[in-house]
């Protein structure tokens, strides 16, 4: 009886050990699988991901396949043209990053007594004019304060999808999208129709929005309503829009400003971007009676969830603390 009892207990202990080992492997592998998937998604290559993770390409592929098998869905499409994420893959990527970020934040918080310093990679995408004038000058001071943050900063003026661009924060003007994104306002500005003194001397001033048809209006070449200029009658308060036309298009505000300064045509730009030019007399506001409330709000947008990574919160707080909310420049960093 005693031997049977010992045998049964040894078998139970062995089974329990094997079960615990499997559970530990599974828990470890979930995070490892996510890390492998994120690397493949970012690098578009199993080989490159393997080099980063010190694994063979086949081992990385097996980790990704394990996720797909468990979810019963395809996350990555493999073809001769490379690797592309499926819509489900995009969704998983966002959530996998969030899970690993929260694991890192939790460990740092516990290790530092609940006061973890911001750290890790932070991807920020800003519109070109605002990024150059307001964000870029603050980066050295931010990184001096938070040296463990790795800042990946890019500038574009087109529509941005946080999933597609792999961005943590997108800084954009205009109406907020109806989505799961959260936003924090950075400045209040407004758009102005302007021209250079040289252009006005050659072509005269439009007195009514309908006169714009006789002027060269500079346009953006991406699908935004920026080429449909909004006005409000100073007499009746009625709103009206005019689709403008001209012989020049570009994809960013700084180029638009330079072309306007050169006398090429009229442009509609944010006050924060051109107020120094107006003060210096290099640009002149026109149709000001018709654009009294052409509001331009600029927000920092980010994916909303309960536990926001400390580096995202710290960066947005830093911008709010050092950017004048009316778009009148920067406050000196501490």
Protein backbone atom coordinates (compact mmCIF):
# COMPACT_ATOMS: atom_id res chain seq x y z
CA UNK A 1 0.00 0.00 0.00
CA UNK A 2 2.85 2.28 0.91
CA UNK A 3 4.62 1.73 -2.42
CA UNK A 4 1.40 2.34 -4.34
CA UNK A 5 0.86 5.58 -2.41
CA UNK A 6 4.39 6.73 -3.19
CA UNK A 7 3.97 5.85 -6.85
CA UNK A 8 0.66 7.70 -7.08
CA UNK A 9 2.10 10.76 -5.39
CA UNK A 10 5.18 10.75 -7.60
CA UNK A 11 2.94 10.51 -10.67
CA UNK A 12 0.78 13.39 -9.38
CA UNK A 13 3.87 15.46 -8.66
CA UNK A 14 5.24 14.74 -12.13
CA UNK A 15 1.94 15.68 -13.76
CA UNK A 16 1.72 18.85 -11.70
CA UNK A 17 5.30 19.77 -12.64
CA UNK A 18 4.60 19.14 -16.32
CA UNK A 19 1.39 21.19 -16.12
CA UNK A 20 3.20 24.04 -14.39
CA UNK A 21 5.99 23.90 -16.96
CA UNK A 22 3.49 24.01 -19.80
CA UNK A 23 1.73 26.96 -18.17
CA UNK A 24 5.02 28.79 -17.68
CA UNK A 25 6.04 28.09 -21.28
CA UNK A 26 2.66 29.29 -22.51
CA UNK A 27 2.84 32.49 -20.46
CA UNK A 28 6.41 33.15 -21.59
CA UNK A 29 5.60 32.31 -25.18
CA UNK A 30 2.65 34.71 -25.43
CA UNK A 31 4.96 37.67 -24.79
CA UNK A 32 7.67 36.12 -26.96
CA UNK A 33 5.23 35.50 -29.79
CA UNK A 34 4.03 39.10 -29.60
CA UNK A 35 7.59 40.40 -29.70
CA UNK A 36 8.36 38.23 -32.74
CA UNK A 37 5.20 39.34 -34.52
CA UNK A 38 5.93 43.02 -33.84
CA UNK A 39 9.45 42.68 -35.21
CA UNK A 40 8.22 40.95 -38.38
CA UNK A 41 5.51 43.60 -38.87
CA UNK A 42 8.01 46.45 -38.48
CA UNK A 43 10.84 44.96 -40.52
CA UNK A 44 8.68 43.20 -43.15
CA UNK A 45 11.03 40.25 -43.00
CA UNK A 46 11.35 37.02 -41.03
CA UNK A 47 15.11 37.03 -41.59
CA UNK A 48 15.59 40.59 -40.28
CA UNK A 49 13.31 39.88 -37.33
CA UNK A 50 15.32 36.74 -36.58
CA UNK A 51 18.58 38.68 -36.58
CA UNK A 52 17.15 41.21 -34.12
CA UNK A 53 15.82 38.45 -31.86
CA UNK A 54 18.80 36.09 -32.30
CA UNK A 55 16.53 33.42 -33.77
CA UNK A 56 16.45 31.62 -37.08
CA UNK A 57 13.90 32.80 -39.68
CA UNK A 58 12.09 29.47 -39.36
CA UNK A 59 11.81 29.87 -35.58
CA UNK A 60 10.32 33.36 -36.01
CA UNK A 61 7.92 32.03 -38.63
CA UNK A 62 6.79 29.28 -36.25
CA UNK A 63 6.09 31.82 -33.51
CA UNK A 64 3.90 33.88 -35.85
CA UNK A 65 2.18 30.75 -37.15
CA UNK A 66 1.46 29.71 -33.58
CA UNK A 67 -0.46 32.97 -33.03
CA UNK A 68 -2.37 32.53 -36.29
CA UNK A 69 -3.27 28.96 -35.43
CA UNK A 70 -4.47 29.94 -31.98
CA UNK A 71 -6.60 32.79 -33.39
CA UNK A 72 -7.70 30.81 -36.46
CA UNK A 73 -7.01 33.81 -38.67
CA UNK A 74 -4.29 35.07 -40.98
CA UNK A 75 -2.27 38.00 -39.62
CA UNK A 76 0.42 38.26 -42.30
CA UNK A 77 0.11 37.68 -46.03
CA UNK A 78 3.28 36.21 -47.45
CA UNK A 79 3.92 36.75 -51.17
CA UNK A 80 6.76 37.28 -53.62
CA UNK A 81 6.32 41.04 -53.09
CA UNK A 82 7.01 40.75 -49.38
CA UNK A 83 4.99 40.67 -46.20
CA UNK A 84 1.78 42.62 -45.61
CA UNK A 85 -0.42 42.75 -42.54
CA UNK A 86 -4.05 41.80 -42.91
CA UNK A 87 -6.68 44.00 -41.18
CA UNK A 88 -6.62 41.48 -38.35
CA UNK A 89 -2.84 41.76 -38.29
CA UNK A 90 -3.06 45.55 -37.95
CA UNK A 91 -5.47 45.12 -35.06
CA UNK A 92 -3.26 42.54 -33.34
CA UNK A 93 -0.16 44.71 -33.81
CA UNK A 94 -1.69 47.65 -31.96
CA UNK A 95 -2.85 45.48 -29.09
CA UNK A 96 0.38 43.47 -28.89
CA UNK A 97 2.40 46.68 -28.58
CA UNK A 98 0.03 47.87 -25.90
CA UNK A 99 0.34 44.63 -23.93
CA UNK A 100 4.15 44.65 -24.04
CA UNK A 101 4.24 48.35 -23.18
CA UNK A 102 2.05 47.74 -20.16
CA UNK A 103 4.22 44.82 -19.07
CA UNK A 104 7.31 47.05 -19.29
CA UNK A 105 5.57 49.92 -17.49
CA UNK A 106 4.34 47.60 -14.74
CA UNK A 107 7.79 46.17 -14.14
CA UNK A 108 9.43 49.59 -14.13
CA UNK A 109 6.79 50.98 -11.78
CA UNK A 110 7.25 48.15 -9.29
CA UNK A 111 11.06 48.27 -9.57
CA UNK A 112 11.07 52.03 -8.90
CA UNK A 113 8.50 52.01 -6.13
CA UNK A 114 5.63 53.12 -8.35
CA UNK A 115 7.48 56.07 -9.89
CA UNK A 116 8.74 54.71 -13.20
CA UNK A 117 10.48 57.20 -15.48
CA UNK A 118 9.25 57.31 -19.10
CA UNK A 119 11.30 55.03 -21.32
CA UNK A 120 11.15 53.02 -24.52
CA UNK A 121 10.50 53.90 -28.14
CA UNK A 122 8.06 56.74 -28.84
CA UNK A 123 6.82 57.31 -32.40
CA UNK A 124 5.57 60.85 -33.11
CA UNK A 125 4.25 62.14 -36.43
CA UNK A 126 3.52 65.87 -36.83
CA UNK A 127 2.35 68.11 -39.66
CA UNK A 128 5.39 69.71 -41.24
CA UNK A 129 4.95 73.40 -40.39
CA UNK A 130 3.80 72.81 -36.81
CA UNK A 131 6.40 70.10 -36.26
CA UNK A 132 9.27 72.30 -37.42
CA UNK A 133 8.14 75.41 -35.56
CA UNK A 134 6.77 74.00 -32.31
CA UNK A 135 7.75 70.36 -31.77
CA UNK A 136 11.27 70.02 -33.14
CA UNK A 137 12.74 72.85 -30.98
CA UNK A 138 11.44 71.13 -27.82
CA UNK A 139 12.92 67.69 -28.54
CA UNK A 140 16.41 68.27 -27.06
CA UNK A 141 14.94 69.50 -23.76
CA UNK A 142 12.46 66.61 -23.64
CA UNK A 143 15.15 63.99 -24.23
CA UNK A 144 17.42 65.66 -21.70
CA UNK A 145 14.66 65.32 -19.12
CA UNK A 146 13.76 61.76 -20.18
CA UNK A 147 16.99 60.18 -21.50
CA UNK A 148 15.55 56.65 -21.51
CA UNK A 149 12.99 57.54 -24.20
CA UNK A 150 13.94 56.71 -27.81
CA UNK A 151 12.09 59.28 -29.94
CA UNK A 152 11.19 58.38 -33.53
CA UNK A 153 10.04 61.70 -35.06
CA UNK A 154 8.59 62.14 -38.56
CA UNK A 155 6.90 64.95 -40.47
CA UNK A 156 4.10 64.61 -43.03
CA UNK A 157 1.17 66.80 -44.04
CA UNK A 158 -1.14 64.11 -45.42
CA UNK A 159 -3.84 62.18 -43.62
CA UNK A 160 -2.31 59.83 -41.08
CA UNK A 161 -3.58 56.53 -39.76
CA UNK A 162 -1.93 55.65 -36.46
CA UNK A 163 -2.07 51.97 -37.44
CA UNK A 164 -0.58 52.43 -40.89
CA UNK A 165 2.12 54.88 -39.80
CA UNK A 166 2.95 52.89 -36.65
CA UNK A 167 2.72 56.16 -34.69
CA UNK A 168 1.97 56.56 -30.99
CA UNK A 169 1.09 60.24 -31.34
CA UNK A 170 -0.14 62.15 -34.39
CA UNK A 171 -0.23 65.95 -34.30
CA UNK A 172 -2.78 67.35 -36.74
CA UNK A 173 -5.09 70.30 -37.34
CA UNK A 174 -8.77 70.25 -38.22
CA UNK A 175 -11.85 68.45 -36.99
CA UNK A 176 -11.25 65.41 -34.83
CA UNK A 177 -11.97 62.08 -36.53
CA UNK A 178 -14.89 60.03 -35.26
CA UNK A 179 -12.82 57.14 -33.99
CA UNK A 180 -11.42 55.48 -30.90
CA UNK A 181 -8.61 58.04 -30.80
CA UNK A 182 -8.18 60.40 -27.89
CA UNK A 183 -6.95 63.96 -28.36
CA UNK A 184 -5.49 66.81 -26.38
CA UNK A 185 -5.60 70.35 -27.74
CA UNK A 186 -2.25 72.05 -28.22
CA UNK A 187 -3.16 75.40 -29.79
CA UNK A 188 -6.05 77.45 -31.10
CA UNK A 189 -5.29 79.27 -34.33
CA UNK A 190 -7.19 80.24 -37.46
CA UNK A 191 -6.57 80.15 -41.19
CA UNK A 192 -5.95 83.28 -43.21
CA UNK A 193 -5.98 84.04 -46.94
CA UNK A 194 -2.76 85.87 -47.74
CA UNK A 195 -0.71 87.20 -50.62
CA UNK A 196 2.64 88.94 -51.02
CA UNK A 197 2.84 92.69 -51.70
CA UNK A 198 4.36 91.89 -55.12
CA UNK A 199 1.39 89.72 -56.09
CA UNK A 200 -1.08 92.40 -54.96
CA UNK A 201 0.79 95.07 -56.93
CA UNK A 202 0.54 93.00 -60.11
CA UNK A 203 -2.94 91.47 -59.76
CA UNK A 204 -4.86 93.60 -57.29
CA UNK A 205 -6.95 92.52 -54.30
CA UNK A 206 -10.07 90.34 -54.37
CA UNK A 207 -12.93 92.10 -52.57
CA UNK A 208 -15.33 89.16 -52.51
CA UNK A 209 -14.81 85.35 -52.46
CA UNK A 210 -16.35 85.25 -55.94
CA UNK A 211 -13.35 87.28 -57.17
CA UNK A 212 -11.04 84.36 -56.42
CA UNK A 213 -11.92 82.86 -59.79
CA UNK A 214 -9.75 85.60 -61.32
CA UNK A 215 -6.74 84.86 -59.10
CA UNK A 216 -4.07 82.18 -58.93
CA UNK A 217 -4.88 80.25 -55.77
CA UNK A 218 -2.24 77.84 -54.52
CA UNK A 219 -3.56 74.36 -53.65
CA UNK A 220 -2.67 71.25 -51.72
CA UNK A 221 -2.49 68.01 -53.70
CA UNK A 222 -3.89 65.60 -51.14
CA UNK A 223 -7.59 64.75 -50.65
CA UNK A 224 -8.47 67.19 -47.90
CA UNK A 225 -11.08 69.97 -47.89
CA UNK A 226 -8.25 72.53 -47.82
CA UNK A 227 -8.90 73.37 -51.47
CA UNK A 228 -12.44 74.41 -50.64
CA UNK A 229 -12.08 77.73 -48.84
CA UNK A 230 -14.75 78.63 -46.29
CA UNK A 231 -16.08 82.15 -45.78
CA UNK A 232 -18.80 83.95 -43.83
CA UNK A 233 -20.61 87.02 -45.11
CA UNK A 234 -19.79 90.06 -42.92
CA UNK A 235 -23.31 91.42 -43.65
CA UNK A 236 -25.62 88.43 -43.27
CA UNK A 237 -23.43 85.88 -41.48
CA UNK A 238 -24.23 83.31 -44.18
CA UNK A 239 -21.59 80.68 -44.73
CA UNK A 240 -20.26 79.92 -48.20
CA UNK A 241 -17.51 77.84 -49.73
CA UNK A 242 -15.51 78.37 -52.87
CA UNK A 243 -13.46 75.69 -54.62
CA UNK A 244 -10.29 77.42 -55.71
CA UNK A 245 -7.99 76.77 -58.67
CA UNK A 246 -4.51 77.73 -59.77
CA UNK A 247 -1.37 76.54 -61.50
CA UNK A 248 0.54 75.21 -58.48
CA UNK A 249 -0.01 72.36 -56.03
CA UNK A 250 2.15 70.94 -53.24
CA UNK A 251 1.90 68.55 -50.33
CA UNK A 252 3.10 70.66 -47.40
CA UNK A 253 2.63 74.00 -45.70
CA UNK A 254 6.24 75.29 -45.75
CA UNK A 255 6.45 74.96 -49.55
CA UNK A 256 3.07 76.66 -49.87
CA UNK A 257 4.31 79.53 -47.72
CA UNK A 258 7.48 79.94 -49.78
CA UNK A 259 5.54 80.04 -53.04
CA UNK A 260 3.18 82.64 -51.61
CA UNK A 261 6.11 84.76 -50.39
CA UNK A 262 7.59 84.60 -53.89
CA UNK A 263 4.47 86.25 -55.34
CA UNK A 264 3.15 83.18 -57.15
CA UNK A 265 -0.43 83.42 -55.85
CA UNK A 266 -2.85 83.48 -52.93
CA UNK A 267 -2.64 80.90 -50.15
CA UNK A 268 -4.76 79.92 -47.15
CA UNK A 269 -2.47 79.13 -44.24
CA UNK A 270 -2.55 78.92 -40.46
CA UNK A 271 -1.85 82.10 -38.51
CA UNK A 272 0.65 80.27 -36.30
CA UNK A 273 2.67 79.52 -39.45
CA UNK A 274 2.75 82.99 -41.04
CA UNK A 275 2.23 85.54 -38.26
CA UNK A 276 5.91 86.54 -38.41
CA UNK A 277 5.63 87.12 -42.18
CA UNK A 278 2.58 89.32 -41.68
CA UNK A 279 4.27 91.28 -38.91
CA UNK A 280 7.29 91.86 -41.15
CA UNK A 281 5.09 92.98 -44.05
CA UNK A 282 6.12 90.09 -46.29
CA UNK A 283 2.54 88.77 -46.48
CA UNK A 284 -0.76 90.65 -46.39
CA UNK A 285 -4.04 89.23 -45.13
CA UNK A 286 -6.90 89.58 -47.62
CA UNK A 287 -10.66 89.01 -47.33
CA UNK A 288 -10.24 89.31 -43.55
CA UNK A 289 -13.86 90.42 -43.12
CA UNK A 290 -14.93 87.15 -44.72
CA UNK A 291 -12.81 84.84 -42.54
CA UNK A 292 -13.36 85.99 -38.93
CA UNK A 293 -13.93 82.49 -37.53
CA UNK A 294 -11.96 80.17 -39.80
CA UNK A 295 -10.82 78.26 -36.73
CA UNK A 296 -7.84 75.91 -36.81
CA UNK A 297 -7.35 73.69 -33.77
CA UNK A 298 -4.26 71.55 -33.48
CA UNK A 299 -4.40 68.39 -31.37
CA UNK A 300 -2.11 65.62 -30.26
CA UNK A 301 -4.00 62.42 -31.03
CA UNK A 302 -3.28 58.99 -29.60
CA UNK A 303 -4.92 55.60 -29.24
CA UNK A 304 -7.16 55.74 -26.21
CA UNK A 305 -6.99 53.04 -23.57
CA UNK A 306 -7.11 52.87 -19.80
CA UNK A 307 -3.38 52.61 -19.14
CA UNK A 308 -1.55 55.15 -21.30
CA UNK A 309 2.19 54.52 -21.59
CA UNK A 310 4.13 56.96 -19.44
CA UNK A 311 6.29 58.10 -22.37
CA UNK A 312 3.19 59.11 -24.38
CA UNK A 313 1.70 60.99 -21.46
CA UNK A 314 5.03 62.66 -20.66
CA UNK A 315 5.55 63.87 -24.23
CA UNK A 316 2.06 65.33 -24.57
CA UNK A 317 2.32 66.99 -21.15
CA UNK A 318 5.67 68.46 -22.19
CA UNK A 319 4.17 69.95 -25.36
CA UNK A 320 1.21 71.43 -23.48
CA UNK A 321 3.53 72.96 -20.88
CA UNK A 322 5.81 74.61 -23.44
CA UNK A 323 3.56 75.65 -26.36
CA UNK A 324 1.52 78.83 -26.09
CA UNK A 325 -2.13 77.71 -26.41
CA UNK A 326 -2.96 80.61 -28.76
CA UNK A 327 -0.13 79.72 -31.13
CA UNK A 328 2.10 82.64 -30.16
CA UNK A 329 5.31 80.64 -29.91
CA UNK A 330 7.08 78.56 -27.31
CA UNK A 331 7.54 78.93 -23.60
CA UNK A 332 11.15 78.45 -22.63
CA UNK A 333 11.78 74.84 -21.50
CA UNK A 334 12.81 74.49 -17.87
